[in-house]
All heavy atoms as atom14 arrays in JSON, in Angstrom:
{
  "sequence": "RAEFKHAIVDPFTRAYEAGETPNPCMRCNGAFRFDELVA",
  "atom14_mask": [
    [1, 1, 1, 1, 1, 1, 1, 1, 1, 1, 1, 0, 0, 0],
    [1, 1, 1, 1, 1, 0, 0, 0, 0, 0, 0, 0, 0, 0],
    [1, 1, 1, 1, 1, 1, 1, 1, 1, 0, 0, 0, 0, 0],
    [1, 1, 1, 1, 1, 1, 1, 1, 1, 1, 1, 0, 0, 0],
    [1, 1, 1, 1, 1, 1, 1, 1, 1, 0, 0, 0, 0, 0],
    [1, 1, 1, 1, 1, 1, 1, 1, 1, 1, 0, 0, 0, 0],
    [1, 1, 1, 1, 1, 0, 0, 0, 0, 0, 0, 0, 0, 0],
    [1, 1, 1, 1, 1, 1, 1, 1, 0, 0, 0, 0, 0, 0],
    [1, 1, 1, 1, 1, 1, 1, 0, 0, 0, 0, 0, 0, 0],
    [1, 1, 1, 1, 1, 1, 1, 1, 0, 0, 0, 0, 0, 0],
    [1, 1, 1, 1, 1, 1, 1, 0, 0, 0, 0, 0, 0, 0],
    [1, 1, 1, 1, 1, 1, 1, 1, 1, 1, 1, 0, 0, 0],
    [1, 1, 1, 1, 1, 1, 1, 0, 0, 0, 0, 0, 0, 0],
    [1, 1, 1, 1, 1, 1, 1, 1, 1, 1, 1, 0, 0, 0],
    [1, 1, 1, 1, 1, 0, 0, 0, 0, 0, 0, 0, 0, 0],
    [1, 1, 1, 1, 1, 1, 1, 1, 1, 1, 1, 1, 0, 0],
    [1, 1, 1, 1, 1, 1, 1, 1, 1, 0, 0, 0, 0, 0],
    [1, 1, 1, 1, 1, 0, 0, 0, 0, 0, 0, 0, 0, 0],
    [1, 1, 1, 1, 0, 0, 0, 0, 0, 0, 0, 0, 0, 0],
    [1, 1, 1, 1, 1, 1, 1, 1, 1, 0, 0, 0, 0, 0],
    [1, 1, 1, 1, 1, 1, 1, 0, 0, 0, 0, 0, 0, 0],
    [1, 1, 1, 1, 1, 1, 1, 0, 0, 0, 0, 0, 0, 0],
    [1, 1, 1, 1, 1, 1, 1, 1, 0, 0, 0, 0, 0, 0],
    [1, 1, 1, 1, 1, 1, 1, 0, 0, 0, 0, 0, 0, 0],
    [1, 1, 1, 1, 1, 1, 0, 0, 0, 0, 0, 0, 0, 0],
    [1, 1, 1, 1, 1, 1, 1, 1, 0, 0, 0, 0, 0, 0],
    [1, 1, 1, 1, 1, 1, 1, 1, 1, 1, 1, 0, 0, 0],
    [1, 1, 1, 1, 1, 1, 0, 0, 0, 0, 0, 0, 0, 0],
    [1, 1, 1, 1, 1, 1, 1, 1, 0, 0, 0, 0, 0, 0],
    [1, 1, 1, 1, 0, 0, 0, 0, 0, 0, 0, 0, 0, 0],
    [1, 1, 1, 1, 1, 0, 0, 0, 0, 0, 0, 0, 0, 0],
    [1, 1, 1, 1, 1, 1, 1, 1, 1, 1, 1, 0, 0, 0],
    [1, 1, 1, 1, 1, 1, 1, 1, 1, 1, 1, 0, 0, 0],
    [1, 1, 1, 1, 1, 1, 1, 1, 1, 1, 1, 0, 0, 0],
    [1, 1, 1, 1, 1, 1, 1, 1, 0, 0, 0, 0, 0, 0],
    [1, 1, 1, 1, 1, 1, 1, 1, 1, 0, 0, 0, 0, 0],
    [1, 1, 1, 1, 1, 1, 1, 1, 0, 0, 0, 0, 0, 0],
    [1, 1, 1, 1, 1, 1, 1, 0, 0, 0, 0, 0, 0, 0],
    [1, 1, 1, 1, 1, 0, 0, 0, 0, 0, 0, 0, 0, 0]
  ],
  "atom14_positions": [
    [[279.25, -85.01, 9.93], [278.35, -85.79, 9.17], [278.28, -85.52, 7.75], [278.39, -86.43, 6.94], [276.98, -85.62, 9.79], [276.73, -86.29, 11.18], [275.36, -85.94, 11.81], [275.36, -84.57, 12.17], [274.31, -83.99, 12.78], [273.24, -84.71, 13.04], [274.35, -82.66, 13.13], [0.0, 0.0, 0.0], [0.0, 0.0, 0.0], [0.0, 0.0, 0.0]],
    [[278.27, -84.28, 7.38], [278.23, -83.9, 6.0], [279.48, -84.21, 5.23], [279.49, -84.79, 4.13], [277.89, -82.39, 5.79], [0.0, 0.0, 0.0], [0.0, 0.0, 0.0], [0.0, 0.0, 0.0], [0.0, 0.0, 0.0], [0.0, 0.0, 0.0], [0.0, 0.0, 0.0], [0.0, 0.0, 0.0], [0.0, 0.0, 0.0], [0.0, 0.0, 0.0]],
    [[280.64, -83.94, 5.97], [281.97, -84.36, 5.34], [282.12, -85.8, 5.17], [282.66, -86.2, 4.14], [283.1, -83.78, 6.19], [283.08, -82.22, 6.27], [282.21, -81.65, 7.42], [281.37, -82.42, 7.92], [282.4, -80.47, 7.74], [0.0, 0.0, 0.0], [0.0, 0.0, 0.0], [0.0, 0.0, 0.0], [0.0, 0.0, 0.0], [0.0, 0.0, 0.0]],
    [[281.61, -86.66, 6.14], [281.81, -88.04, 6.1], [280.93, -88.58, 4.92], [281.44, -89.42, 4.22], [281.34, -88.66, 7.42], [281.5, -90.15, 7.53], [282.66, -90.74, 7.68], [280.38, -90.92, 7.33], [282.78, -92.15, 7.73], [280.4, -92.24, 7.53], [281.56, -92.89, 7.66], [0.0, 0.0, 0.0], [0.0, 0.0, 0.0], [0.0, 0.0, 0.0]],
    [[279.76, -88.05, 4.77], [278.93, -88.67, 3.75], [279.56, -88.37, 2.35], [279.56, -89.2, 1.46], [277.49, -88.14, 3.76], [276.52, -88.75, 2.84], [275.14, -88.31, 3.1], [274.21, -89.23, 2.24], [274.42, -89.24, 0.8], [0.0, 0.0, 0.0], [0.0, 0.0, 0.0], [0.0, 0.0, 0.0], [0.0, 0.0, 0.0], [0.0, 0.0, 0.0]],
    [[280.08, -87.15, 2.28], [280.67, -86.7, 0.93], [281.98, -87.49, 0.64], [282.15, -87.89, -0.49], [280.93, -85.26, 0.96], [281.74, -84.75, -0.27], [281.1, -84.62, -1.52], [282.99, -84.39, -0.49], [282.02, -84.18, -2.33], [283.12, -84.04, -1.71], [0.0, 0.0, 0.0], [0.0, 0.0, 0.0], [0.0, 0.0, 0.0], [0.0, 0.0, 0.0]],
    [[282.78, -87.71, 1.67], [284.17, -88.31, 1.45], [284.11, -89.8, 1.5], [284.92, -90.43, 0.88], [285.07, -87.81, 2.53], [0.0, 0.0, 0.0], [0.0, 0.0, 0.0], [0.0, 0.0, 0.0], [0.0, 0.0, 0.0], [0.0, 0.0, 0.0], [0.0, 0.0, 0.0], [0.0, 0.0, 0.0], [0.0, 0.0, 0.0], [0.0, 0.0, 0.0]],
    [[283.21, -90.42, 2.26], [283.22, -91.89, 2.47], [281.92, -92.52, 1.89], [282.1, -93.55, 1.09], [283.37, -92.21, 3.94], [284.56, -91.57, 4.48], [283.43, -93.8, 4.17], [285.83, -91.94, 3.95], [0.0, 0.0, 0.0], [0.0, 0.0, 0.0], [0.0, 0.0, 0.0], [0.0, 0.0, 0.0], [0.0, 0.0, 0.0], [0.0, 0.0, 0.0]],
    [[280.79, -92.1, 2.22], [279.58, -92.91, 1.98], [279.22, -92.65, 0.45], [278.94, -93.73, -0.2], [278.35, -92.35, 2.78], [277.09, -93.08, 2.39], [278.72, -92.51, 4.17], [0.0, 0.0, 0.0], [0.0, 0.0, 0.0], [0.0, 0.0, 0.0], [0.0, 0.0, 0.0], [0.0, 0.0, 0.0], [0.0, 0.0, 0.0], [0.0, 0.0, 0.0]],
    [[279.29, -91.52, -0.13], [278.97, -91.34, -1.53], [279.92, -92.05, -2.48], [279.45, -92.81, -3.4], [278.89, -89.79, -1.95], [277.71, -89.13, -1.17], [276.83, -89.79, -0.69], [277.79, -87.9, -1.15], [0.0, 0.0, 0.0], [0.0, 0.0, 0.0], [0.0, 0.0, 0.0], [0.0, 0.0, 0.0], [0.0, 0.0, 0.0], [0.0, 0.0, 0.0]],
    [[281.25, -92.03, -2.24], [282.1, -92.86, -3.03], [281.93, -94.36, -2.96], [282.05, -95.1, -3.9], [283.54, -92.47, -2.5], [283.3, -91.09, -1.96], [281.92, -91.09, -1.37], [0.0, 0.0, 0.0], [0.0, 0.0, 0.0], [0.0, 0.0, 0.0], [0.0, 0.0, 0.0], [0.0, 0.0, 0.0], [0.0, 0.0, 0.0], [0.0, 0.0, 0.0]],
    [[281.5, -94.8, -1.7], [281.11, -96.26, -1.5], [280.03, -96.57, -2.38], [280.03, -97.65, -3.09], [280.74, -96.37, -0.05], [280.13, -97.71, 0.32], [280.98, -98.87, 0.6], [278.78, -97.91, 0.33], [280.48, -100.06, 0.94], [278.24, -99.13, 0.69], [279.12, -100.21, 1.04], [0.0, 0.0, 0.0], [0.0, 0.0, 0.0], [0.0, 0.0, 0.0]],
    [[278.97, -95.69, -2.42], [277.82, -96.06, -3.4], [278.23, -96.08, -4.75], [277.84, -97.03, -5.56], [276.73, -95.02, -3.08], [276.36, -95.05, -1.78], [275.44, -95.3, -3.96], [0.0, 0.0, 0.0], [0.0, 0.0, 0.0], [0.0, 0.0, 0.0], [0.0, 0.0, 0.0], [0.0, 0.0, 0.0], [0.0, 0.0, 0.0], [0.0, 0.0, 0.0]],
    [[279.02, -95.01, -5.22], [279.37, -94.96, -6.66], [280.3, -96.08, -7.09], [280.26, -96.61, -8.27], [280.15, -93.6, -6.84], [279.27, -92.41, -6.81], [279.83, -91.17, -7.34], [281.14, -90.85, -6.68], [281.22, -90.07, -5.58], [280.07, -89.43, -5.1], [282.41, -89.75, -5.06], [0.0, 0.0, 0.0], [0.0, 0.0, 0.0], [0.0, 0.0, 0.0]],
    [[281.09, -96.55, -6.13], [282.01, -97.69, -6.4], [281.26, -98.93, -6.83], [281.62, -99.7, -7.71], [283.01, -97.91, -5.32], [0.0, 0.0, 0.0], [0.0, 0.0, 0.0], [0.0, 0.0, 0.0], [0.0, 0.0, 0.0], [0.0, 0.0, 0.0], [0.0, 0.0, 0.0], [0.0, 0.0, 0.0], [0.0, 0.0, 0.0], [0.0, 0.0, 0.0]],
    [[280.23, -99.27, -5.97], [279.44, -100.45, -6.21], [278.64, -100.27, -7.6], [278.55, -101.28, -8.28], [278.45, -100.7, -5.09], [279.04, -101.71, -4.03], [279.41, -101.22, -2.75], [279.15, -103.04, -4.34], [279.95, -102.12, -1.75], [279.67, -103.93, -3.41], [280.11, -103.47, -2.15], [280.53, -104.41, -1.18], [0.0, 0.0, 0.0], [0.0, 0.0, 0.0]],
    [[278.17, -99.12, -7.82], [277.5, -98.93, -9.06], [278.47, -99.16, -10.25], [278.09, -99.53, -11.33], [276.94, -97.49, -9.24], [275.75, -97.2, -8.28], [275.18, -95.9, -8.49], [275.99, -94.85, -8.2], [273.96, -95.74, -8.95], [0.0, 0.0, 0.0], [0.0, 0.0, 0.0], [0.0, 0.0, 0.0], [0.0, 0.0, 0.0], [0.0, 0.0, 0.0]],
    [[279.71, -98.88, -10.05], [280.81, -99.02, -11.14], [281.31, -100.4, -11.23], [282.23, -100.63, -12.07], [281.92, -97.99, -10.87], [0.0, 0.0, 0.0], [0.0, 0.0, 0.0], [0.0, 0.0, 0.0], [0.0, 0.0, 0.0], [0.0, 0.0, 0.0], [0.0, 0.0, 0.0], [0.0, 0.0, 0.0], [0.0, 0.0, 0.0], [0.0, 0.0, 0.0]],
    [[280.83, -101.35, -10.31], [281.29, -102.68, -10.37], [282.55, -103.04, -9.48], [283.17, -104.0, -9.76], [0.0, 0.0, 0.0], [0.0, 0.0, 0.0], [0.0, 0.0, 0.0], [0.0, 0.0, 0.0], [0.0, 0.0, 0.0], [0.0, 0.0, 0.0], [0.0, 0.0, 0.0], [0.0, 0.0, 0.0], [0.0, 0.0, 0.0], [0.0, 0.0, 0.0]],
    [[282.85, -102.14, -8.68], [283.95, -102.34, -7.69], [283.46, -102.83, -6.34], [282.23, -102.85, -6.08], [284.75, -100.95, -7.49], [285.32, -100.52, -8.82], [286.12, -99.19, -8.52], [286.07, -98.72, -7.44], [286.7, -98.65, -9.52], [0.0, 0.0, 0.0], [0.0, 0.0, 0.0], [0.0, 0.0, 0.0], [0.0, 0.0, 0.0], [0.0, 0.0, 0.0]],
    [[284.37, -103.34, -5.48], [284.04, -103.7, -4.18], [284.87, -102.88, -3.16], [286.03, -103.17, -2.85], [284.43, -105.21, -4.01], [283.79, -105.96, -4.95], [283.94, -105.67, -2.56], [0.0, 0.0, 0.0], [0.0, 0.0, 0.0], [0.0, 0.0, 0.0], [0.0, 0.0, 0.0], [0.0, 0.0, 0.0], [0.0, 0.0, 0.0], [0.0, 0.0, 0.0]],
    [[284.3, -101.74, -2.81], [285.16, -100.78, -2.0], [285.35, -101.19, -0.53], [284.53, -102.04, -0.06], [284.35, -99.41, -2.13], [282.91, -100.01, -2.21], [283.01, -101.26, -3.04], [0.0, 0.0, 0.0], [0.0, 0.0, 0.0], [0.0, 0.0, 0.0], [0.0, 0.0, 0.0], [0.0, 0.0, 0.0], [0.0, 0.0, 0.0], [0.0, 0.0, 0.0]],
    [[286.33, -100.51, 0.09], [286.52, -100.81, 1.48], [286.45, -99.38, 2.2], [287.36, -98.64, 2.29], [287.94, -101.4, 1.76], [288.18, -101.7, 3.21], [287.64, -101.02, 4.12], [288.88, -102.78, 3.46], [0.0, 0.0, 0.0], [0.0, 0.0, 0.0], [0.0, 0.0, 0.0], [0.0, 0.0, 0.0], [0.0, 0.0, 0.0], [0.0, 0.0, 0.0]],
    [[285.23, -99.02, 2.63], [285.11, -97.63, 3.21], [285.78, -97.51, 4.51], [286.27, -96.33, 4.84], [283.5, -97.55, 3.42], [283.06, -99.03, 3.65], [284.0, -99.81, 2.66], [0.0, 0.0, 0.0], [0.0, 0.0, 0.0], [0.0, 0.0, 0.0], [0.0, 0.0, 0.0], [0.0, 0.0, 0.0], [0.0, 0.0, 0.0], [0.0, 0.0, 0.0]],
    [[285.94, -98.51, 5.26], [286.73, -98.35, 6.6], [288.13, -97.97, 6.34], [288.77, -97.26, 7.15], [286.58, -99.64, 7.43], [284.84, -100.08, 7.89], [0.0, 0.0, 0.0], [0.0, 0.0, 0.0], [0.0, 0.0, 0.0], [0.0, 0.0, 0.0], [0.0, 0.0, 0.0], [0.0, 0.0, 0.0], [0.0, 0.0, 0.0], [0.0, 0.0, 0.0]],
    [[288.73, -98.57, 5.24], [290.14, -98.24, 4.88], [290.21, -96.75, 4.51], [291.18, -96.13, 4.92], [290.5, -99.15, 3.74], [291.98, -99.02, 3.35], [292.84, -100.28, 4.27], [294.52, -100.06, 3.57], [0.0, 0.0, 0.0], [0.0, 0.0, 0.0], [0.0, 0.0, 0.0], [0.0, 0.0, 0.0], [0.0, 0.0, 0.0], [0.0, 0.0, 0.0]],
    [[289.26, -96.36, 3.68], [289.35, -94.98, 3.26], [289.14, -93.97, 4.36], [289.76, -92.94, 4.48], [288.2, -94.75, 2.24], [288.26, -93.47, 1.49], [287.02, -93.31, 0.56], [287.02, -92.04, -0.25], [287.36, -92.12, -1.51], [287.64, -93.18, -2.17], [287.4, -90.94, -2.18], [0.0, 0.0, 0.0], [0.0, 0.0, 0.0], [0.0, 0.0, 0.0]],
    [[288.29, -94.34, 5.34], [287.99, -93.48, 6.51], [289.18, -93.53, 7.43], [289.69, -92.35, 7.81], [286.79, -94.09, 7.24], [286.4, -93.12, 8.78], [0.0, 0.0, 0.0], [0.0, 0.0, 0.0], [0.0, 0.0, 0.0], [0.0, 0.0, 0.0], [0.0, 0.0, 0.0], [0.0, 0.0, 0.0], [0.0, 0.0, 0.0], [0.0, 0.0, 0.0]],
    [[289.64, -94.58, 7.9], [290.78, -94.7, 8.78], [292.07, -94.16, 8.21], [292.86, -93.45, 8.88], [291.05, -96.17, 9.23], [290.02, -96.5, 10.38], [290.08, -96.13, 11.45], [289.04, -97.35, 9.96], [0.0, 0.0, 0.0], [0.0, 0.0, 0.0], [0.0, 0.0, 0.0], [0.0, 0.0, 0.0], [0.0, 0.0, 0.0], [0.0, 0.0, 0.0]],
    [[292.29, -94.48, 6.92], [293.59, -94.13, 6.38], [293.68, -92.68, 5.96], [294.85, -92.17, 5.77], [0.0, 0.0, 0.0], [0.0, 0.0, 0.0], [0.0, 0.0, 0.0], [0.0, 0.0, 0.0], [0.0, 0.0, 0.0], [0.0, 0.0, 0.0], [0.0, 0.0, 0.0], [0.0, 0.0, 0.0], [0.0, 0.0, 0.0], [0.0, 0.0, 0.0]],
    [[292.63, -92.03, 5.73], [292.72, -90.63, 5.31], [291.74, -89.67, 6.02], [292.22, -88.95, 7.0], [292.42, -90.52, 3.84], [0.0, 0.0, 0.0], [0.0, 0.0, 0.0], [0.0, 0.0, 0.0], [0.0, 0.0, 0.0], [0.0, 0.0, 0.0], [0.0, 0.0, 0.0], [0.0, 0.0, 0.0], [0.0, 0.0, 0.0], [0.0, 0.0, 0.0]],
    [[290.52, -89.81, 5.85], [289.51, -88.97, 6.44], [289.63, -88.78, 8.0], [289.79, -87.63, 8.52], [288.05, -89.44, 6.02], [287.01, -88.58, 6.65], [286.59, -87.38, 6.04], [286.39, -88.92, 7.76], [285.56, -86.62, 6.57], [285.4, -88.23, 8.3], [284.93, -87.0, 7.68], [0.0, 0.0, 0.0], [0.0, 0.0, 0.0], [0.0, 0.0, 0.0]],
    [[289.61, -89.84, 8.7], [289.53, -89.83, 10.18], [290.84, -89.18, 10.72], [290.83, -88.35, 11.56], [289.27, -91.15, 10.62], [288.97, -91.25, 12.24], [288.8, -92.68, 12.68], [287.64, -93.25, 12.02], [286.39, -93.55, 12.62], [286.23, -93.14, 13.91], [285.43, -94.06, 11.99], [0.0, 0.0, 0.0], [0.0, 0.0, 0.0], [0.0, 0.0, 0.0]],
    [[292.01, -89.74, 10.2], [293.26, -89.28, 10.78], [293.53, -87.9, 10.42], [294.18, -87.14, 11.24], [294.36, -90.22, 10.36], [294.66, -91.24, 11.47], [293.9, -92.43, 11.58], [295.77, -90.98, 12.3], [294.14, -93.22, 12.64], [296.01, -91.9, 13.29], [295.29, -93.06, 13.44], [0.0, 0.0, 0.0], [0.0, 0.0, 0.0], [0.0, 0.0, 0.0]],
    [[293.2, -87.45, 9.22], [293.38, -86.01, 8.84], [292.64, -85.09, 9.82], [293.16, -84.11, 10.28], [292.94, -85.82, 7.39], [293.9, -86.47, 6.45], [294.95, -86.81, 6.75], [293.5, -86.45, 5.23], [0.0, 0.0, 0.0], [0.0, 0.0, 0.0], [0.0, 0.0, 0.0], [0.0, 0.0, 0.0], [0.0, 0.0, 0.0], [0.0, 0.0, 0.0]],
    [[291.39, -85.4, 10.16], [290.64, -84.66, 11.02], [291.12, -84.67, 12.52], [291.13, -83.65, 13.2], [289.15, -85.11, 11.03], [288.42, -84.91, 9.72], [288.08, -83.49, 9.35], [288.3, -82.62, 10.24], [287.66, -83.2, 8.21], [0.0, 0.0, 0.0], [0.0, 0.0, 0.0], [0.0, 0.0, 0.0], [0.0, 0.0, 0.0], [0.0, 0.0, 0.0]],
    [[291.49, -85.84, 12.87], [292.01, -85.99, 14.29], [293.33, -85.24, 14.5], [293.52, -84.62, 15.55], [292.06, -87.44, 14.66], [290.79, -88.25, 14.81], [291.06, -89.7, 14.92], [290.0, -87.79, 16.07], [0.0, 0.0, 0.0], [0.0, 0.0, 0.0], [0.0, 0.0, 0.0], [0.0, 0.0, 0.0], [0.0, 0.0, 0.0], [0.0, 0.0, 0.0]],
    [[294.21, -85.4, 13.51], [295.5, -84.77, 13.76], [295.38, -83.21, 13.67], [295.93, -82.57, 14.41], [296.49, -85.26, 12.62], [297.72, -84.38, 12.58], [296.85, -86.65, 12.87], [0.0, 0.0, 0.0], [0.0, 0.0, 0.0], [0.0, 0.0, 0.0], [0.0, 0.0, 0.0], [0.0, 0.0, 0.0], [0.0, 0.0, 0.0], [0.0, 0.0, 0.0]],
    [[294.49, -82.77, 12.78], [294.15, -81.34, 12.81], [293.58, -80.88, 14.05], [294.0, -79.73, 14.6], [293.25, -81.02, 11.57], [0.0, 0.0, 0.0], [0.0, 0.0, 0.0], [0.0, 0.0, 0.0], [0.0, 0.0, 0.0], [0.0, 0.0, 0.0], [0.0, 0.0, 0.0], [0.0, 0.0, 0.0], [0.0, 0.0, 0.0], [0.0, 0.0, 0.0]]
  ]
}
């Protein structure tokens, strides 16, 4: 939970504040989730 919020949720919020349209599922599946699962 803590790692996910730091790696996925917080960047999602900051990206919208910066005028971007982020894709959190891509960031999660492409890096965070697979890194944890393979480990």
